[in-house]
Amino acid sequence: MELSPEPTVKSAVIFVDGQNLFHSVRESFDYTYPNYDVAALSRAVAGAAGWNVSQMWFYTGIPDPADDPFWHSFWSSKLAVMGRQGSRYSRAPCVTRTESSSCRTVHTPF
């Protein structure tokens, strides 16, 4: 059995956890607003290795509109823009408890 040759230009599938990206950027650069561009970041990371981006996946938790209307609207709009830029995304509700707060994300392929 002969293996097919390695492609000249490789492709990458990029997976981004939105909450981890936001908290890393906040800690590293003192940003308090998630103004990152996932498509540009994906192309830059893949391009540095000489690869093309074949898919981009973004995962995040979104607060319920009753709990936080501003961030619910922000993330709904940002995901819509990302979708038009070619990103696929998965979203799940943030779950808030009195003793702690966490976002749970469930992978949903589109």
PDB file of N, CA and C in Angstrom:
ATOM      1  N   MET A   1       0.837  -1.179   0.000  1.00  0.00           N
ATOM      2  CA  MET A   1       0.000   0.000   0.000  1.00  0.00           C
ATOM      3  C   MET A   1       0.878   1.238   0.000  1.00  0.00           C
ATOM      4  N   GLU A   2       0.646   2.077  -0.971  1.00  0.00           N
ATOM      5  CA  GLU A   2       1.445   3.280  -1.105  1.00  0.00           C
ATOM      6  C   GLU A   2       0.702   4.474  -0.514  1.00  0.00           C
ATOM      7  N   LEU A   3       1.412   5.247   0.300  1.00  0.00           N
ATOM      8  CA  LEU A   3       0.825   6.444   0.895  1.00  0.00           C
ATOM      9  C   LEU A   3       0.827   7.579  -0.116  1.00  0.00           C
ATOM     10  N   SER A   4      -0.187   8.396  -0.067  1.00  0.00           N
ATOM     11  CA  SER A   4      -0.205   9.557  -0.952  1.00  0.00           C
ATOM     12  C   SER A   4       0.837  10.558  -0.470  1.00  0.00           C
ATOM     13  N   PRO A   5       1.397  11.330  -1.404  1.00  0.00           N
ATOM     14  CA  PRO A   5       2.447  12.282  -1.004  1.00  0.00           C
ATOM     15  C   PRO A   5       1.899  13.383  -0.102  1.00  0.00           C
ATOM     16  N   GLU A   6       2.775  13.908   0.712  1.00  0.00           N
ATOM     17  CA  GLU A   6       2.397  15.008   1.599  1.00  0.00           C
ATOM     18  C   GLU A   6       2.041  16.227   0.755  1.00  0.00           C
ATOM     19  N   PRO A   7       0.952  16.913   1.082  1.00  0.00           N
ATOM     20  CA  PRO A   7       0.572  18.074   0.274  1.00  0.00           C
ATOM     21  C   PRO A   7       1.601  19.197   0.381  1.00  0.00           C
ATOM     22  N   THR A   8       1.754  19.926  -0.698  1.00  0.00           N
ATOM     23  CA  THR A   8       2.678  21.061  -0.701  1.00  0.00           C
ATOM     24  C   THR A   8       2.201  22.133   0.269  1.00  0.00           C
ATOM     25  N   VAL A   9       0.922  22.437   0.202  1.00  0.00           N
ATOM     26  CA  VAL A   9       0.319  23.412   1.118  1.00  0.00           C
ATOM     27  C   VAL A   9      -0.639  22.653   2.033  1.00  0.00           C
ATOM     28  N   LYS A  10      -0.391  22.758   3.311  1.00  0.00           N
ATOM     29  CA  LYS A  10      -1.224  22.058   4.290  1.00  0.00           C
ATOM     30  C   LYS A  10      -2.407  22.931   4.712  1.00  0.00           C
ATOM     31  N   SER A  11      -3.444  22.289   5.208  1.00  0.00           N
ATOM     32  CA  SER A  11      -4.624  22.984   5.693  1.00  0.00           C
ATOM     33  C   SER A  11      -4.772  22.752   7.189  1.00  0.00           C
ATOM     34  N   ALA A  12      -5.329  23.754   7.864  1.00  0.00           N
ATOM     35  CA  ALA A  12      -5.539  23.670   9.304  1.00  0.00           C
ATOM     36  C   ALA A  12      -7.016  23.890   9.624  1.00  0.00           C
ATOM     37  N   VAL A  13      -7.488  23.187  10.626  1.00  0.00           N
ATOM     38  CA  VAL A  13      -8.802  23.439  11.199  1.00  0.00           C
ATOM     39  C   VAL A  13      -8.526  24.086  12.551  1.00  0.00           C
ATOM     40  N   ILE A  14      -9.015  25.299  12.737  1.00  0.00           N
ATOM     41  CA  ILE A  14      -8.740  26.086  13.933  1.00  0.00           C
ATOM     42  C   ILE A  14      -9.919  25.985  14.899  1.00  0.00           C
ATOM     43  N   PHE A  15      -9.629  25.696  16.156  1.00  0.00           N
ATOM     44  CA  PHE A  15     -10.625  25.644  17.227  1.00  0.00           C
ATOM     45  C   PHE A  15     -10.259  26.707  18.259  1.00  0.00           C
ATOM     46  N   VAL A  16     -11.203  27.588  18.580  1.00  0.00           N
ATOM     47  CA  VAL A  16     -10.945  28.661  19.542  1.00  0.00           C
ATOM     48  C   VAL A  16     -11.993  28.597  20.646  1.00  0.00           C
ATOM     49  N   ASP A  17     -11.540  28.551  21.881  1.00  0.00           N
ATOM     50  CA  ASP A  17     -12.421  28.653  23.043  1.00  0.00           C
ATOM     51  C   ASP A  17     -12.483  30.134  23.398  1.00  0.00           C
ATOM     52  N   GLY A  18     -13.630  30.749  23.180  1.00  0.00           N
ATOM     53  CA  GLY A  18     -13.779  32.192  23.354  1.00  0.00           C
ATOM     54  C   GLY A  18     -13.467  32.690  24.745  1.00  0.00           C
ATOM     55  N   GLN A  19     -13.895  31.967  25.772  1.00  0.00           N
ATOM     56  CA  GLN A  19     -13.644  32.412  27.145  1.00  0.00           C
ATOM     57  C   GLN A  19     -12.157  32.336  27.478  1.00  0.00           C
ATOM     58  N   ASN A  20     -11.490  31.259  27.067  1.00  0.00           N
ATOM     59  CA  ASN A  20     -10.052  31.153  27.320  1.00  0.00           C
ATOM     60  C   ASN A  20      -9.278  32.227  26.566  1.00  0.00           C
ATOM     61  N   LEU A  21      -9.665  32.495  25.314  1.00  0.00           N
ATOM     62  CA  LEU A  21      -8.993  33.540  24.543  1.00  0.00           C
ATOM     63  C   LEU A  21      -9.182  34.890  25.228  1.00  0.00           C
ATOM     64  N   PHE A  22     -10.413  35.211  25.618  1.00  0.00           N
ATOM     65  CA  PHE A  22     -10.668  36.500  26.261  1.00  0.00           C
ATOM     66  C   PHE A  22      -9.837  36.661  27.538  1.00  0.00           C
ATOM     67  N   HIS A  23      -9.850  35.648  28.407  1.00  0.00           N
ATOM     68  CA  HIS A  23      -9.122  35.773  29.679  1.00  0.00           C
ATOM     69  C   HIS A  23      -7.613  35.819  29.456  1.00  0.00           C
ATOM     70  N   SER A  24      -7.102  35.112  28.472  1.00  0.00           N
ATOM     71  CA  SER A  24      -5.663  35.171  28.167  1.00  0.00           C
ATOM     72  C   SER A  24      -5.270  36.547  27.655  1.00  0.00           C
ATOM     73  N   VAL A  25      -6.069  37.108  26.774  1.00  0.00           N
ATOM     74  CA  VAL A  25      -5.787  38.449  26.235  1.00  0.00           C
ATOM     75  C   VAL A  25      -5.889  39.485  27.353  1.00  0.00           C
ATOM     76  N   ARG A  26      -6.888  39.346  28.215  1.00  0.00           N
ATOM     77  CA  ARG A  26      -7.045  40.284  29.331  1.00  0.00           C
ATOM     78  C   ARG A  26      -5.827  40.245  30.248  1.00  0.00           C
ATOM     79  N   GLU A  27      -5.366  39.043  30.584  1.00  0.00           N
ATOM     80  CA  GLU A  27      -4.202  38.918  31.473  1.00  0.00           C
ATOM     81  C   GLU A  27      -2.922  39.396  30.804  1.00  0.00           C
ATOM     82  N   SER A  28      -2.757  39.107  29.515  1.00  0.00           N
ATOM     83  CA  SER A  28      -1.520  39.452  28.818  1.00  0.00           C
ATOM     84  C   SER A  28      -1.444  40.913  28.413  1.00  0.00           C
ATOM     85  N   PHE A  29      -2.569  41.483  27.985  1.00  0.00           N
ATOM     86  CA  PHE A  29      -2.546  42.826  27.404  1.00  0.00           C
ATOM     87  C   PHE A  29      -3.443  43.820  28.138  1.00  0.00           C
ATOM     88  N   ASP A  30      -4.058  43.392  29.235  1.00  0.00           N
ATOM     89  CA  ASP A  30      -4.924  44.235  30.047  1.00  0.00           C
ATOM     90  C   ASP A  30      -6.148  44.739  29.285  1.00  0.00           C
ATOM     91  N   TYR A  31      -6.620  43.964  28.296  1.00  0.00           N
ATOM     92  CA  TYR A  31      -7.849  44.298  27.573  1.00  0.00           C
ATOM     93  C   TYR A  31      -9.036  43.848  28.408  1.00  0.00           C
ATOM     94  N   THR A  32     -10.065  44.663  28.428  1.00  0.00           N
ATOM     95  CA  THR A  32     -11.273  44.286  29.165  1.00  0.00           C
ATOM     96  C   THR A  32     -12.472  44.137  28.232  1.00  0.00           C
ATOM     97  N   TYR A  33     -12.229  44.201  26.931  1.00  0.00           N
ATOM     98  CA  TYR A  33     -13.295  44.114  25.946  1.00  0.00           C
ATOM     99  C   TYR A  33     -12.895  43.096  24.885  1.00  0.00           C
ATOM    100  N   PRO A  34     -13.739  42.139  24.560  1.00  0.00           N
ATOM    101  CA  PRO A  34     -13.374  41.079  23.604  1.00  0.00           C
ATOM    102  C   PRO A  34     -13.446  41.558  22.154  1.00  0.00           C
ATOM    103  N   ASN A  35     -12.474  42.375  21.759  1.00  0.00           N
ATOM    104  CA  ASN A  35     -12.485  42.949  20.415  1.00  0.00           C
ATOM    105  C   ASN A  35     -11.594  42.174  19.439  1.00  0.00           C
ATOM    106  N   TYR A  36     -11.305  40.939  19.743  1.00  0.00           N
ATOM    107  CA  TYR A  36     -10.441  40.161  18.867  1.00  0.00           C
ATOM    108  C   TYR A  36     -11.174  39.716  17.609  1.00  0.00           C
ATOM    109  N   ASP A  37     -10.388  39.457  16.566  1.00  0.00           N
ATOM    110  CA  ASP A  37     -10.895  39.014  15.274  1.00  0.00           C
ATOM    111  C   ASP A  37     -10.433  37.573  15.078  1.00  0.00           C
ATOM    112  N   VAL A  38     -11.341  36.633  15.280  1.00  0.00           N
ATOM    113  CA  VAL A  38     -10.993  35.214  15.243  1.00  0.00           C
ATOM    114  C   VAL A  38     -10.520  34.789  13.852  1.00  0.00           C
ATOM    115  N   ALA A  39     -11.124  35.326  12.799  1.00  0.00           N
ATOM    116  CA  ALA A  39     -10.711  34.971  11.431  1.00  0.00           C
ATOM    117  C   ALA A  39      -9.281  35.437  11.170  1.00  0.00           C
ATOM    118  N   ALA A  40      -8.958  36.668  11.548  1.00  0.00           N
ATOM    119  CA  ALA A  40      -7.602  37.193  11.344  1.00  0.00           C
ATOM    120  C   ALA A  40      -6.588  36.419  12.195  1.00  0.00           C
ATOM    121  N   LEU A  41      -6.945  36.124  13.438  1.00  0.00           N
ATOM    122  CA  LEU A  41      -6.059  35.356  14.308  1.00  0.00           C
ATOM    123  C   LEU A  41      -5.810  33.962  13.729  1.00  0.00           C
ATOM    124  N   SER A  42      -6.851  33.326  13.237  1.00  0.00           N
ATOM    125  CA  SER A  42      -6.717  31.988  12.649  1.00  0.00           C
ATOM    126  C   SER A  42      -5.784  32.011  11.438  1.00  0.00           C
ATOM    127  N   ARG A  43      -5.990  32.995  10.564  1.00  0.00           N
ATOM    128  CA  ARG A  43      -5.123  33.098   9.374  1.00  0.00           C
ATOM    129  C   ARG A  43      -3.676  33.387   9.762  1.00  0.00           C
ATOM    130  N   ALA A  44      -3.470  34.214  10.792  1.00  0.00           N
ATOM    131  CA  ALA A  44      -2.108  34.547  11.215  1.00  0.00           C
ATOM    132  C   ALA A  44      -1.393  33.331  11.799  1.00  0.00           C
ATOM    133  N   VAL A  45      -2.083  32.568  12.647  1.00  0.00           N
ATOM    134  CA  VAL A  45      -1.469  31.386  13.262  1.00  0.00           C
ATOM    135  C   VAL A  45      -1.155  30.338  12.203  1.00  0.00           C
ATOM    136  N   ALA A  46      -2.116  30.042  11.341  1.00  0.00           N
ATOM    137  CA  ALA A  46      -1.894  29.042  10.296  1.00  0.00           C
ATOM    138  C   ALA A  46      -0.865  29.536   9.293  1.00  0.00           C
ATOM    139  N   GLY A  47      -0.962  30.810   8.918  1.00  0.00           N
ATOM    140  CA  GLY A  47      -0.030  31.377   7.945  1.00  0.00           C
ATOM    141  C   GLY A  47       1.411  31.363   8.419  1.00  0.00           C
ATOM    142  N   ALA A  48       1.629  31.515   9.723  1.00  0.00           N
ATOM    143  CA  ALA A  48       2.991  31.477  10.267  1.00  0.00           C
ATOM    144  C   ALA A  48       3.651  30.128  10.021  1.00  0.00           C
ATOM    145  N   ALA A  49       2.841  29.079   9.909  1.00  0.00           N
ATOM    146  CA  ALA A  49       3.369  27.744   9.627  1.00  0.00           C
ATOM    147  C   ALA A  49       3.315  27.427   8.125  1.00  0.00           C
ATOM    148  N   GLY A  50       2.798  28.380   7.320  1.00  0.00           N
ATOM    149  CA  GLY A  50       2.674  28.159   5.888  1.00  0.00           C
ATOM    150  C   GLY A  50       1.451  27.332   5.511  1.00  0.00           C
ATOM    151  N   TRP A  51       0.448  27.313   6.379  1.00  0.00           N
ATOM    152  CA  TRP A  51      -0.757  26.519   6.146  1.00  0.00           C
ATOM    153  C   TRP A  51      -1.924  27.422   5.752  1.00  0.00           C
ATOM    154  N   ASN A  52      -2.901  26.848   5.093  1.00  0.00           N
ATOM    155  CA  ASN A  52      -4.161  27.529   4.801  1.00  0.00           C
ATOM    156  C   ASN A  52      -5.177  27.144   5.875  1.00  0.00           C
ATOM    157  N   VAL A  53      -6.134  28.013   6.130  1.00  0.00           N
ATOM    158  CA  VAL A  53      -7.218  27.697   7.066  1.00  0.00           C
ATOM    159  C   VAL A  53      -8.357  27.077   6.268  1.00  0.00           C
ATOM    160  N   SER A  54      -8.705  25.843   6.596  1.00  0.00           N
ATOM    161  CA  SER A  54      -9.827  25.213   5.903  1.00  0.00           C
ATOM    162  C   SER A  54     -11.126  25.395   6.676  1.00  0.00           C
ATOM    163  N   GLN A  55     -11.045  25.483   7.998  1.00  0.00           N
ATOM    164  CA  GLN A  55     -12.220  25.714   8.836  1.00  0.00           C
ATOM    165  C   GLN A  55     -11.808  26.451  10.099  1.00  0.00           C
ATOM    166  N   MET A  56     -12.749  27.249  10.630  1.00  0.00           N
ATOM    167  CA  MET A  56     -12.562  27.920  11.919  1.00  0.00           C
ATOM    168  C   MET A  56     -13.778  27.588  12.773  1.00  0.00           C
ATOM    169  N   TRP A  57     -13.522  27.143  14.001  1.00  0.00           N
ATOM    170  CA  TRP A  57     -14.592  26.841  14.959  1.00  0.00           C
ATOM    171  C   TRP A  57     -14.383  27.702  16.190  1.00  0.00           C
ATOM    172  N   PHE A  58     -15.449  28.309  16.676  1.00  0.00           N
ATOM    173  CA  PHE A  58     -15.398  29.162  17.850  1.00  0.00           C
ATOM    174  C   PHE A  58     -16.458  28.687  18.833  1.00  0.00           C
ATOM    175  N   TYR A  59     -16.068  28.544  20.080  1.00  0.00           N
ATOM    176  CA  TYR A  59     -16.965  28.078  21.141  1.00  0.00           C
ATOM    177  C   TYR A  59     -17.054  29.150  22.218  1.00  0.00           C
ATOM    178  N   THR A  60     -18.256  29.431  22.698  1.00  0.00           N
ATOM    179  CA  THR A  60     -18.388  30.384  23.798  1.00  0.00           C
ATOM    180  C   THR A  60     -19.707  30.182  24.537  1.00  0.00           C
ATOM    181  N   GLY A  61     -19.747  30.666  25.747  1.00  0.00           N
ATOM    182  CA  GLY A  61     -20.987  30.729  26.510  1.00  0.00           C
ATOM    183  C   GLY A  61     -21.559  32.126  26.375  1.00  0.00           C
ATOM    184  N   ILE A  62     -22.873  32.230  26.325  1.00  0.00           N
ATOM    185  CA  ILE A  62     -23.535  33.529  26.177  1.00  0.00           C
ATOM    186  C   ILE A  62     -24.538  33.697  27.315  1.00  0.00           C
ATOM    187  N   PRO A  63     -24.495  34.837  28.008  1.00  0.00           N
ATOM    188  CA  PRO A  63     -25.454  35.045  29.088  1.00  0.00           C
ATOM    189  C   PRO A  63     -26.884  35.133  28.559  1.00  0.00           C
ATOM    190  N   ASP A  64     -27.805  34.732  29.365  1.00  0.00           N
ATOM    191  CA  ASP A  64     -29.215  34.853  29.044  1.00  0.00           C
ATOM    192  C   ASP A  64     -29.563  36.344  28.939  1.00  0.00           C
ATOM    193  N   PRO A  65     -30.426  36.735  27.993  1.00  0.00           N
ATOM    194  CA  PRO A  65     -30.761  38.161  27.868  1.00  0.00           C
ATOM    195  C   PRO A  65     -31.389  38.746  29.133  1.00  0.00           C
ATOM    196  N   ALA A  66     -32.075  37.936  29.912  1.00  0.00           N
ATOM    197  CA  ALA A  66     -32.670  38.437  31.160  1.00  0.00           C
ATOM    198  C   ALA A  66     -31.594  38.721  32.206  1.00  0.00           C
ATOM    199  N   ASP A  67     -30.488  37.970  32.164  1.00  0.00           N
ATOM    200  CA  ASP A  67     -29.404  38.162  33.136  1.00  0.00           C
ATOM    201  C   ASP A  67     -28.483  39.310  32.749  1.00  0.00           C
ATOM    202  N   ASP A  68     -28.162  39.410  31.468  1.00  0.00           N
ATOM    203  CA  ASP A  68     -27.224  40.435  31.017  1.00  0.00           C
ATOM    204  C   ASP A  68     -27.510  40.789  29.566  1.00  0.00           C
ATOM    205  N   PRO A  69     -28.454  41.725  29.345  1.00  0.00           N
ATOM    206  CA  PRO A  69     -28.857  42.042  27.975  1.00  0.00           C
ATOM    207  C   PRO A  69     -27.716  42.580  27.103  1.00  0.00           C
ATOM    208  N   PHE A  70     -26.804  43.377  27.699  1.00  0.00           N
ATOM    209  CA  PHE A  70     -25.706  43.934  26.904  1.00  0.00           C
ATOM    210  C   PHE A  70     -24.835  42.837  26.319  1.00  0.00           C
ATOM    211  N   TRP A  71     -24.311  41.925  27.171  1.00  0.00           N
ATOM    212  CA  TRP A  71     -23.398  40.889  26.683  1.00  0.00           C
ATOM    213  C   TRP A  71     -24.109  39.849  25.829  1.00  0.00           C
ATOM    214  N   HIS A  72     -25.386  39.597  26.101  1.00  0.00           N
ATOM    215  CA  HIS A  72     -26.135  38.695  25.234  1.00  0.00           C
ATOM    216  C   HIS A  72     -26.204  39.273  23.817  1.00  0.00           C
ATOM    217  N   SER A  73     -26.550  40.543  23.714  1.00  0.00           N
ATOM    218  CA  SER A  73     -26.635  41.207  22.415  1.00  0.00           C
ATOM    219  C   SER A  73     -25.261  41.286  21.744  1.00  0.00           C
ATOM    220  N   PHE A  74     -24.234  41.627  22.529  1.00  0.00           N
ATOM    221  CA  PHE A  74     -22.875  41.720  21.980  1.00  0.00           C
ATOM    222  C   PHE A  74     -22.462  40.406  21.345  1.00  0.00           C
ATOM    223  N   TRP A  75     -22.585  39.290  22.105  1.00  0.00           N
ATOM    224  CA  TRP A  75     -22.124  38.001  21.601  1.00  0.00           C
ATOM    225  C   TRP A  75     -22.995  37.483  20.462  1.00  0.00           C
ATOM    226  N   SER A  76     -24.286  37.736  20.510  1.00  0.00           N
ATOM    227  CA  SER A  76     -25.152  37.326  19.402  1.00  0.00           C
ATOM    228  C   SER A  76     -24.737  38.034  18.117  1.00  0.00           C
ATOM    229  N   SER A  77     -24.448  39.329  18.211  1.00  0.00           N
ATOM    230  CA  SER A  77     -24.011  40.104  17.041  1.00  0.00           C
ATOM    231  C   SER A  77     -22.633  39.668  16.568  1.00  0.00           C
ATOM    232  N   LYS A  78     -21.711  39.466  17.518  1.00  0.00           N
ATOM    233  CA  LYS A  78     -20.347  39.064  17.150  1.00  0.00           C
ATOM    234  C   LYS A  78     -20.354  37.704  16.459  1.00  0.00           C
ATOM    235  N   LEU A  79     -21.149  36.772  16.954  1.00  0.00           N
ATOM    236  CA  LEU A  79     -21.232  35.451  16.316  1.00  0.00           C
ATOM    237  C   LEU A  79     -21.829  35.550  14.915  1.00  0.00           C
ATOM    238  N   ALA A  80     -22.785  36.438  14.723  1.00  0.00           N
ATOM    239  CA  ALA A  80     -23.366  36.621  13.388  1.00  0.00           C
ATOM    240  C   ALA A  80     -22.307  37.134  12.408  1.00  0.00           C
ATOM    241  N   VAL A  81     -21.497  38.090  12.842  1.00  0.00           N
ATOM    242  CA  VAL A  81     -20.418  38.610  11.996  1.00  0.00           C
ATOM    243  C   VAL A  81     -19.402  37.515  11.713  1.00  0.00           C
ATOM    244  N   MET A  82     -19.025  36.763  12.746  1.00  0.00           N
ATOM    245  CA  MET A  82     -18.055  35.688  12.559  1.00  0.00           C
ATOM    246  C   MET A  82     -18.578  34.649  11.569  1.00  0.00           C
ATOM    247  N   GLY A  83     -19.860  34.356  11.631  1.00  0.00           N
ATOM    248  CA  GLY A  83     -20.457  33.416  10.690  1.00  0.00           C
ATOM    249  C   GLY A  83     -20.346  33.912   9.263  1.00  0.00           C
ATOM    250  N   ARG A  84     -20.537  35.209   9.052  1.00  0.00           N
ATOM    251  CA  ARG A  84     -20.401  35.780   7.707  1.00  0.00           C
ATOM    252  C   ARG A  84     -18.950  35.764   7.241  1.00  0.00           C
ATOM    253  N   GLN A  85     -17.998  35.738   8.190  1.00  0.00           N
ATOM    254  CA  GLN A  85     -16.578  35.688   7.842  1.00  0.00           C
ATOM    255  C   GLN A  85     -16.082  34.263   7.614  1.00  0.00           C
ATOM    256  N   GLY A  86     -16.959  33.283   7.775  1.00  0.00           N
ATOM    257  CA  GLY A  86     -16.576  31.904   7.510  1.00  0.00           C
ATOM    258  C   GLY A  86     -16.335  31.055   8.735  1.00  0.00           C
ATOM    259  N   SER A  87     -16.472  31.629   9.930  1.00  0.00           N
ATOM    260  CA  SER A  87     -16.309  30.829  11.144  1.00  0.00           C
ATOM    261  C   SER A  87     -17.570  30.019  11.397  1.00  0.00           C
ATOM    262  N   ARG A  88     -17.383  28.844  11.911  1.00  0.00           N
ATOM    263  CA  ARG A  88     -18.499  28.068  12.432  1.00  0.00           C
ATOM    264  C   ARG A  88     -18.433  28.256  13.935  1.00  0.00           C
ATOM    265  N   TYR A  89     -19.562  28.197  14.587  1.00  0.00           N
ATOM    266  CA  TYR A  89     -19.526  28.443  16.016  1.00  0.00           C
ATOM    267  C   TYR A  89     -20.527  27.591  16.749  1.00  0.00           C
ATOM    268  N   SER A  90     -20.249  27.469  18.031  1.00  0.00           N
ATOM    269  CA  SER A  90     -21.132  26.766  18.935  1.00  0.00           C
ATOM    270  C   SER A  90     -21.333  27.676  20.125  1.00  0.00           C
ATOM    271  N   ARG A  91     -22.572  27.798  20.560  1.00  0.00           N
ATOM    272  CA  ARG A  91     -22.856  28.660  21.694  1.00  0.00           C
ATOM    273  C   ARG A  91     -23.728  27.912  22.684  1.00  0.00           C
ATOM    274  N   ALA A  92     -23.580  28.269  23.912  1.00  0.00           N
ATOM    275  CA  ALA A  92     -24.372  27.653  24.972  1.00  0.00           C
ATOM    276  C   ALA A  92     -24.656  28.724  26.012  1.00  0.00           C
ATOM    277  N   PRO A  93     -25.699  28.539  26.796  1.00  0.00           N
ATOM    278  CA  PRO A  93     -25.997  29.540  27.828  1.00  0.00           C
ATOM    279  C   PRO A  93     -24.976  29.503  28.957  1.00  0.00           C
ATOM    280  N   CYS A  94     -24.703  30.663  29.520  1.00  0.00           N
ATOM    281  CA  CYS A  94     -23.899  30.725  30.739  1.00  0.00           C
ATOM    282  C   CYS A  94     -24.813  30.325  31.889  1.00  0.00           C
ATOM    283  N   VAL A  95     -24.267  29.579  32.794  1.00  0.00           N
ATOM    284  CA  VAL A  95     -25.027  29.155  33.958  1.00  0.00           C
ATOM    285  C   VAL A  95     -24.453  29.894  35.160  1.00  0.00           C
ATOM    286  N   THR A  96     -25.302  30.643  35.858  1.00  0.00           N
ATOM    287  CA  THR A  96     -24.849  31.397  37.023  1.00  0.00           C
ATOM    288  C   THR A  96     -25.468  30.800  38.270  1.00  0.00           C
ATOM    289  N   ARG A  97     -24.610  30.562  39.245  1.00  0.00           N
ATOM    290  CA  ARG A  97     -25.062  30.046  40.535  1.00  0.00           C
ATOM    291  C   ARG A  97     -24.672  31.051  41.598  1.00  0.00           C
ATOM    292  N   THR A  98     -25.318  31.008  42.744  1.00  0.00           N
ATOM    293  CA  THR A  98     -25.007  31.980  43.793  1.00  0.00           C
ATOM    294  C   THR A  98     -23.587  31.819  44.320  1.00  0.00           C
ATOM    295  N   GLU A  99     -23.062  30.579  44.353  1.00  0.00           N
ATOM    296  CA  GLU A  99     -21.718  30.388  44.901  1.00  0.00           C
ATOM    297  C   GLU A  99     -20.621  30.575  43.869  1.00  0.00           C
ATOM    298  N   SER A 100     -20.944  30.424  42.574  1.00  0.00           N
ATOM    299  CA  SER A 100     -19.946  30.633  41.536  1.00  0.00           C
ATOM    300  C   SER A 100     -20.655  30.823  40.206  1.00  0.00           C
ATOM    301  N   SER A 101     -19.902  31.234  39.219  1.00  0.00           N
ATOM    302  CA  SER A 101     -20.447  31.430  37.882  1.00  0.00           C
ATOM    303  C   SER A 101     -19.596  30.664  36.895  1.00  0.00           C
ATOM    304  N   SER A 102     -20.233  30.024  35.936  1.00  0.00           N
ATOM    305  CA  SER A 102     -19.475  29.323  34.909  1.00  0.00           C
ATOM    306  C   SER A 102     -20.284  29.293  33.624  1.00  0.00           C
ATOM    307  N   CYS A 103     -19.568  29.140  32.534  1.00  0.00           N
ATOM    308  CA  CYS A 103     -20.216  28.981  31.239  1.00  0.00           C
ATOM    309  C   CYS A 103     -19.966  27.558  30.789  1.00  0.00           C
ATOM    310  N   ARG A 104     -21.014  26.889  30.344  1.00  0.00           N
ATOM    311  CA  ARG A 104     -20.808  25.554  29.808  1.00  0.00           C
ATOM    312  C   ARG A 104     -21.070  25.619  28.318  1.00  0.00           C
ATOM    313  N   THR A 105     -20.214  25.011  27.558  1.00  0.00           N
ATOM    314  CA  THR A 105     -20.328  25.049  26.115  1.00  0.00           C
ATOM    315  C   THR A 105     -20.518  23.644  25.597  1.00  0.00           C
ATOM    316  N   VAL A 106     -21.469  23.486  24.716  1.00  0.00           N
ATOM    317  CA  VAL A 106     -21.752  22.196  24.126  1.00  0.00           C
ATOM    318  C   VAL A 106     -21.473  22.282  22.644  1.00  0.00           C
ATOM    319  N   HIS A 107     -20.703  21.343  22.115  1.00  0.00           N
ATOM    320  CA  HIS A 107     -20.361  21.343  20.703  1.00  0.00           C
ATOM    321  C   HIS A 107     -21.595  20.983  19.880  1.00  0.00           C
ATOM    322  N   THR A 108     -21.936  21.872  18.954  1.00  0.00           N
ATOM    323  CA  THR A 108     -23.048  21.613  18.056  1.00  0.00           C
ATOM    324  C   THR A 108     -22.566  21.882  16.647  1.00  0.00           C
ATOM    325  N   PRO A 109     -22.320  20.871  15.838  1.00  0.00           N
ATOM    326  CA  PRO A 109     -21.830  21.121  14.479  1.00  0.00           C
ATOM    327  C   PRO A 109     -22.912  21.753  13.613  1.00  0.00           C
ATOM    328  N   PHE A 110     -22.488  22.637  12.725  1.00  0.00           N
ATOM    329  CA  PHE A 110     -23.409  23.299  11.810  1.00  0.00           C
ATOM    330  C   PHE A 110     -23.122  22.863  10.404  1.00  0.00           C
TER     331      PHE A 110
END
